[in-house]
Amino acid sequence: MFRLAPETKDDWWEVEGLYDLTFAPGREALSSYRLREDVKPVAALCLTARDKYDVLAGVIRYWPVLIGDNKAKTLLLGPVAVHPTRQGEGLGGLLMRESLGLAKAAGWGRVMLVGDAPYYRRFGFEKNTQLDFPPPVNPDRLLTLELEKGAFDGVSGTVFKVAD
């Protein structure tokens, strides 16, 4: 049993420690991090998952980005991480389903991420060839999800960060 809660400023060090544990060194050099620099995450969608002992077992974050000339406001999902000792228990799926439900309820229509298609396909994500994500990125890993039918219709072009 896991308790999901919005991430707080007091969670920051623990969350960053989990990201360091679950991702390769140099994760912050990835292009998706350039879109997050100096941008506040969408706090209502950033969740932590703790076990019955209050140990952090998983986390997910979302960031606002803009796409194309029409500056279509979109969510950039990630990173999502599950502690290695808790992987395989469905926690990543729980974080995904809960946060995507919250995003839809909050009126977000579009979500994008850079990730493994076989994993994210189960949540409805599909490859999107209409977007120009900052390099370096493998275009096969650029995935999108419509929370609102037709939300990506006419949305194409460069993905860029939101100015604070």
C-alpha atoms as a PDB file:
ATOM      1  CA  MET A   1       0.000   0.000   0.000  1.00  0.00           C
ATOM      2  CA  PHE A   2       1.353   3.398  -1.006  1.00  0.00           C
ATOM      3  CA  ARG A   3       0.284   6.872   0.011  1.00  0.00           C
ATOM      4  CA  LEU A   4       0.335   9.399  -2.831  1.00  0.00           C
ATOM      5  CA  ALA A   5       0.727  13.074  -1.998  1.00  0.00           C
ATOM      6  CA  PRO A   6       1.787  16.247  -3.786  1.00  0.00           C
ATOM      7  CA  GLU A   7       5.534  16.810  -3.628  1.00  0.00           C
ATOM      8  CA  THR A   8       6.488  19.540  -1.145  1.00  0.00           C
ATOM      9  CA  LYS A   9       9.626  21.643  -0.815  1.00  0.00           C
ATOM     10  CA  ASP A  10      10.593  19.441   2.138  1.00  0.00           C
ATOM     11  CA  ASP A  11      10.638  16.416  -0.201  1.00  0.00           C
ATOM     12  CA  TRP A  12      13.156  17.979  -2.591  1.00  0.00           C
ATOM     13  CA  TRP A  13      16.405  16.385  -1.335  1.00  0.00           C
ATOM     14  CA  GLU A  14      14.850  12.967  -0.966  1.00  0.00           C
ATOM     15  CA  VAL A  15      13.268  13.143  -4.424  1.00  0.00           C
ATOM     16  CA  GLU A  16      16.531  14.255  -6.034  1.00  0.00           C
ATOM     17  CA  GLY A  17      18.298  11.398  -4.242  1.00  0.00           C
ATOM     18  CA  LEU A  18      15.823   8.921  -5.723  1.00  0.00           C
ATOM     19  CA  TYR A  19      16.368  10.359  -9.205  1.00  0.00           C
ATOM     20  CA  ASP A  20      20.146  10.060  -8.729  1.00  0.00           C
ATOM     21  CA  LEU A  21      19.726   6.446  -7.637  1.00  0.00           C
ATOM     22  CA  THR A  22      17.454   5.385 -10.500  1.00  0.00           C
ATOM     23  CA  PHE A  23      18.983   7.288 -13.432  1.00  0.00           C
ATOM     24  CA  ALA A  24      22.451   7.251 -14.954  1.00  0.00           C
ATOM     25  CA  PRO A  25      25.008   9.872 -13.971  1.00  0.00           C
ATOM     26  CA  GLY A  26      24.703  12.960 -16.120  1.00  0.00           C
ATOM     27  CA  ARG A  27      20.918  12.821 -16.296  1.00  0.00           C
ATOM     28  CA  GLU A  28      20.782  16.594 -16.005  1.00  0.00           C
ATOM     29  CA  ALA A  29      22.701  16.930 -19.279  1.00  0.00           C
ATOM     30  CA  LEU A  30      19.703  15.556 -21.203  1.00  0.00           C
ATOM     31  CA  SER A  31      17.866  17.994 -23.455  1.00  0.00           C
ATOM     32  CA  SER A  32      14.636  17.631 -21.468  1.00  0.00           C
ATOM     33  CA  TYR A  33      16.425  19.243 -18.521  1.00  0.00           C
ATOM     34  CA  ARG A  34      17.101  22.358 -20.636  1.00  0.00           C
ATOM     35  CA  LEU A  35      13.326  22.758 -20.918  1.00  0.00           C
ATOM     36  CA  ARG A  36      13.009  22.552 -17.119  1.00  0.00           C
ATOM     37  CA  GLU A  37      15.807  24.944 -16.124  1.00  0.00           C
ATOM     38  CA  ASP A  38      14.510  27.932 -14.185  1.00  0.00           C
ATOM     39  CA  VAL A  39      10.911  26.805 -14.757  1.00  0.00           C
ATOM     40  CA  LYS A  40       8.586  25.896 -11.921  1.00  0.00           C
ATOM     41  CA  PRO A  41       7.044  22.429 -12.160  1.00  0.00           C
ATOM     42  CA  VAL A  42       3.271  22.019 -12.250  1.00  0.00           C
ATOM     43  CA  ALA A  43       3.078  21.468  -8.500  1.00  0.00           C
ATOM     44  CA  ALA A  44      -0.417  19.967  -8.382  1.00  0.00           C
ATOM     45  CA  LEU A  45       0.728  17.117 -10.652  1.00  0.00           C
ATOM     46  CA  CYS A  46       4.086  16.346  -9.009  1.00  0.00           C
ATOM     47  CA  LEU A  47       3.459  13.381  -6.741  1.00  0.00           C
ATOM     48  CA  THR A  48       5.397  11.355  -4.235  1.00  0.00           C
ATOM     49  CA  ALA A  49       4.576   7.796  -3.232  1.00  0.00           C
ATOM     50  CA  ARG A  50       5.509   6.632   0.255  1.00  0.00           C
ATOM     51  CA  ASP A  51       5.165   3.228   1.836  1.00  0.00           C
ATOM     52  CA  LYS A  52       3.651   2.485   5.258  1.00  0.00           C
ATOM     53  CA  TYR A  53       6.975   3.435   6.894  1.00  0.00           C
ATOM     54  CA  ASP A  54       6.952   6.832   5.129  1.00  0.00           C
ATOM     55  CA  VAL A  55       9.891   5.832   2.925  1.00  0.00           C
ATOM     56  CA  LEU A  56       9.899   7.460  -0.505  1.00  0.00           C
ATOM     57  CA  ALA A  57       9.223   4.703  -3.037  1.00  0.00           C
ATOM     58  CA  GLY A  58       8.366   6.694  -6.166  1.00  0.00           C
ATOM     59  CA  VAL A  59       7.952  10.129  -7.655  1.00  0.00           C
ATOM     60  CA  ILE A  60       6.644  11.824 -10.792  1.00  0.00           C
ATOM     61  CA  ARG A  61       6.998  15.414 -12.002  1.00  0.00           C
ATOM     62  CA  TYR A  62       5.458  17.542 -14.752  1.00  0.00           C
ATOM     63  CA  TRP A  63       6.619  20.796 -16.366  1.00  0.00           C
ATOM     64  CA  PRO A  64       4.925  23.275 -18.690  1.00  0.00           C
ATOM     65  CA  VAL A  65       6.361  23.634 -22.203  1.00  0.00           C
ATOM     66  CA  LEU A  66       5.209  25.372 -25.359  1.00  0.00           C
ATOM     67  CA  ILE A  67       5.003  23.941 -28.868  1.00  0.00           C
ATOM     68  CA  GLY A  68       5.225  25.671 -32.233  1.00  0.00           C
ATOM     69  CA  ASP A  69       4.374  29.119 -33.459  1.00  0.00           C
ATOM     70  CA  ASN A  70       0.976  29.012 -31.760  1.00  0.00           C
ATOM     71  CA  LYS A  71       2.701  28.314 -28.398  1.00  0.00           C
ATOM     72  CA  ALA A  72       0.452  25.395 -27.540  1.00  0.00           C
ATOM     73  CA  LYS A  73       0.752  24.891 -23.798  1.00  0.00           C
ATOM     74  CA  THR A  74       1.681  21.276 -23.101  1.00  0.00           C
ATOM     75  CA  LEU A  75       2.806  19.159 -20.159  1.00  0.00           C
ATOM     76  CA  LEU A  76       6.263  17.609 -20.223  1.00  0.00           C
ATOM     77  CA  LEU A  77       6.088  14.485 -18.081  1.00  0.00           C
ATOM     78  CA  GLY A  78       9.181  13.420 -16.239  1.00  0.00           C
ATOM     79  CA  PRO A  79      11.041  12.212 -14.702  1.00  0.00           C
ATOM     80  CA  VAL A  80       9.134   9.368 -13.130  1.00  0.00           C
ATOM     81  CA  ALA A  81      11.144   7.080 -10.857  1.00  0.00           C
ATOM     82  CA  VAL A  82      10.546   4.087  -8.619  1.00  0.00           C
ATOM     83  CA  HIS A  83      13.077   2.938  -6.032  1.00  0.00           C
ATOM     84  CA  PRO A  84      14.860  -0.205  -7.286  1.00  0.00           C
ATOM     85  CA  THR A  85      13.603  -2.234  -4.313  1.00  0.00           C
ATOM     86  CA  ARG A  86       9.989  -1.325  -5.178  1.00  0.00           C
ATOM     87  CA  GLN A  87      10.081  -1.861  -8.941  1.00  0.00           C
ATOM     88  CA  GLY A  88       7.703  -4.446 -10.330  1.00  0.00           C
ATOM     89  CA  GLU A  89       4.975  -3.641  -7.797  1.00  0.00           C
ATOM     90  CA  GLY A  90       2.919  -1.425 -10.134  1.00  0.00           C
ATOM     91  CA  LEU A  91       3.962   1.821  -8.489  1.00  0.00           C
ATOM     92  CA  GLY A  92       5.087   3.479 -11.729  1.00  0.00           C
ATOM     93  CA  GLY A  93       1.705   2.697 -13.262  1.00  0.00           C
ATOM     94  CA  LEU A  94      -0.092   4.026 -10.206  1.00  0.00           C
ATOM     95  CA  LEU A  95       1.848   7.302 -10.385  1.00  0.00           C
ATOM     96  CA  MET A  96       1.169   7.578 -14.117  1.00  0.00           C
ATOM     97  CA  ARG A  97      -2.580   6.896 -13.918  1.00  0.00           C
ATOM     98  CA  GLU A  98      -3.158   9.132 -10.894  1.00  0.00           C
ATOM     99  CA  SER A  99      -1.163  12.082 -12.220  1.00  0.00           C
ATOM    100  CA  LEU A 100      -2.626  11.864 -15.723  1.00  0.00           C
ATOM    101  CA  GLY A 101      -6.099  11.826 -14.181  1.00  0.00           C
ATOM    102  CA  LEU A 102      -5.230  14.924 -12.181  1.00  0.00           C
ATOM    103  CA  ALA A 103      -3.852  16.601 -15.315  1.00  0.00           C
ATOM    104  CA  LYS A 104      -7.036  15.914 -17.251  1.00  0.00           C
ATOM    105  CA  ALA A 105      -9.205  17.129 -14.363  1.00  0.00           C
ATOM    106  CA  ALA A 106      -7.118  20.326 -14.212  1.00  0.00           C
ATOM    107  CA  GLY A 107      -7.889  21.033 -17.883  1.00  0.00           C
ATOM    108  CA  TRP A 108      -4.613  20.011 -19.517  1.00  0.00           C
ATOM    109  CA  GLY A 109      -5.179  18.613 -23.004  1.00  0.00           C
ATOM    110  CA  ARG A 110      -1.700  17.488 -24.079  1.00  0.00           C
ATOM    111  CA  VAL A 111       1.196  15.570 -22.524  1.00  0.00           C
ATOM    112  CA  MET A 112       4.574  14.716 -23.977  1.00  0.00           C
ATOM    113  CA  LEU A 113       7.621  12.825 -22.766  1.00  0.00           C
ATOM    114  CA  VAL A 114      10.873  11.291 -23.871  1.00  0.00           C
ATOM    115  CA  GLY A 115      10.836   7.621 -22.954  1.00  0.00           C
ATOM    116  CA  ASP A 116      10.484   3.971 -23.871  1.00  0.00           C
ATOM    117  CA  ALA A 117       7.482   3.447 -26.139  1.00  0.00           C
ATOM    118  CA  PRO A 118       6.810  -0.148 -25.005  1.00  0.00           C
ATOM    119  CA  TYR A 119       6.371   1.020 -21.406  1.00  0.00           C
ATOM    120  CA  TYR A 120       4.398   4.221 -22.031  1.00  0.00           C
ATOM    121  CA  ARG A 121       2.154   2.775 -24.758  1.00  0.00           C
ATOM    122  CA  ARG A 122       0.040   1.106 -22.057  1.00  0.00           C
ATOM    123  CA  PHE A 123      -0.977   4.594 -20.888  1.00  0.00           C
ATOM    124  CA  GLY A 124      -1.917   5.705 -24.401  1.00  0.00           C
ATOM    125  CA  PHE A 125       1.313   7.454 -25.452  1.00  0.00           C
ATOM    126  CA  GLU A 126       2.291   7.283 -29.107  1.00  0.00           C
ATOM    127  CA  LYS A 127       5.278   8.377 -31.164  1.00  0.00           C
ATOM    128  CA  ASN A 128       4.883  11.914 -32.529  1.00  0.00           C
ATOM    129  CA  THR A 129       6.864  12.927 -35.610  1.00  0.00           C
ATOM    130  CA  GLN A 130       5.393  16.447 -35.824  1.00  0.00           C
ATOM    131  CA  LEU A 131       7.497  17.883 -33.003  1.00  0.00           C
ATOM    132  CA  ASP A 132      11.014  19.259 -33.009  1.00  0.00           C
ATOM    133  CA  PHE A 133      12.462  18.492 -29.570  1.00  0.00           C
ATOM    134  CA  PRO A 134      15.769  20.103 -28.590  1.00  0.00           C
ATOM    135  CA  PRO A 135      18.701  17.796 -29.392  1.00  0.00           C
ATOM    136  CA  PRO A 136      20.057  15.416 -28.556  1.00  0.00           C
ATOM    137  CA  VAL A 137      16.968  13.225 -28.517  1.00  0.00           C
ATOM    138  CA  ASN A 138      16.103   9.980 -30.229  1.00  0.00           C
ATOM    139  CA  PRO A 139      12.936  10.817 -32.226  1.00  0.00           C
ATOM    140  CA  ASP A 140      11.603   7.300 -31.585  1.00  0.00           C
ATOM    141  CA  ARG A 141      11.432   8.179 -27.882  1.00  0.00           C
ATOM    142  CA  LEU A 142       9.379  11.365 -28.337  1.00  0.00           C
ATOM    143  CA  LEU A 143       5.890  10.327 -27.248  1.00  0.00           C
ATOM    144  CA  THR A 144       2.628  12.217 -26.783  1.00  0.00           C
ATOM    145  CA  LEU A 145      -0.782  11.644 -25.268  1.00  0.00           C
ATOM    146  CA  GLU A 146      -4.022  13.502 -25.878  1.00  0.00           C
ATOM    147  CA  LEU A 147      -5.965  13.961 -22.661  1.00  0.00           C
ATOM    148  CA  GLU A 148      -8.561  15.764 -24.767  1.00  0.00           C
ATOM    149  CA  LYS A 149      -9.548  14.303 -28.130  1.00  0.00           C
ATOM    150  CA  GLY A 150      -7.842  16.246 -30.907  1.00  0.00           C
ATOM    151  CA  ALA A 151      -5.527  18.143 -28.548  1.00  0.00           C
ATOM    152  CA  PHE A 152      -2.534  17.624 -30.861  1.00  0.00           C
ATOM    153  CA  ASP A 153      -4.464  18.447 -34.054  1.00  0.00           C
ATOM    154  CA  GLY A 154      -2.553  21.268 -35.744  1.00  0.00           C
ATOM    155  CA  VAL A 155       0.122  21.265 -33.039  1.00  0.00           C
ATOM    156  CA  SER A 156       3.587  20.913 -34.517  1.00  0.00           C
ATOM    157  CA  GLY A 157       6.993  22.518 -34.519  1.00  0.00           C
ATOM    158  CA  THR A 158       9.621  23.324 -31.961  1.00  0.00           C
ATOM    159  CA  VAL A 159       9.192  22.467 -28.297  1.00  0.00           C
ATOM    160  CA  PHE A 160      10.532  25.254 -26.100  1.00  0.00           C
ATOM    161  CA  LYS A 161      10.565  26.239 -22.470  1.00  0.00           C
ATOM    162  CA  VAL A 162       8.092  28.512 -20.762  1.00  0.00           C
ATOM    163  CA  ALA A 163       9.564  31.831 -19.699  1.00  0.00           C
ATOM    164  CA  ASP A 164       9.010  32.468 -15.992  1.00  0.00           C
END
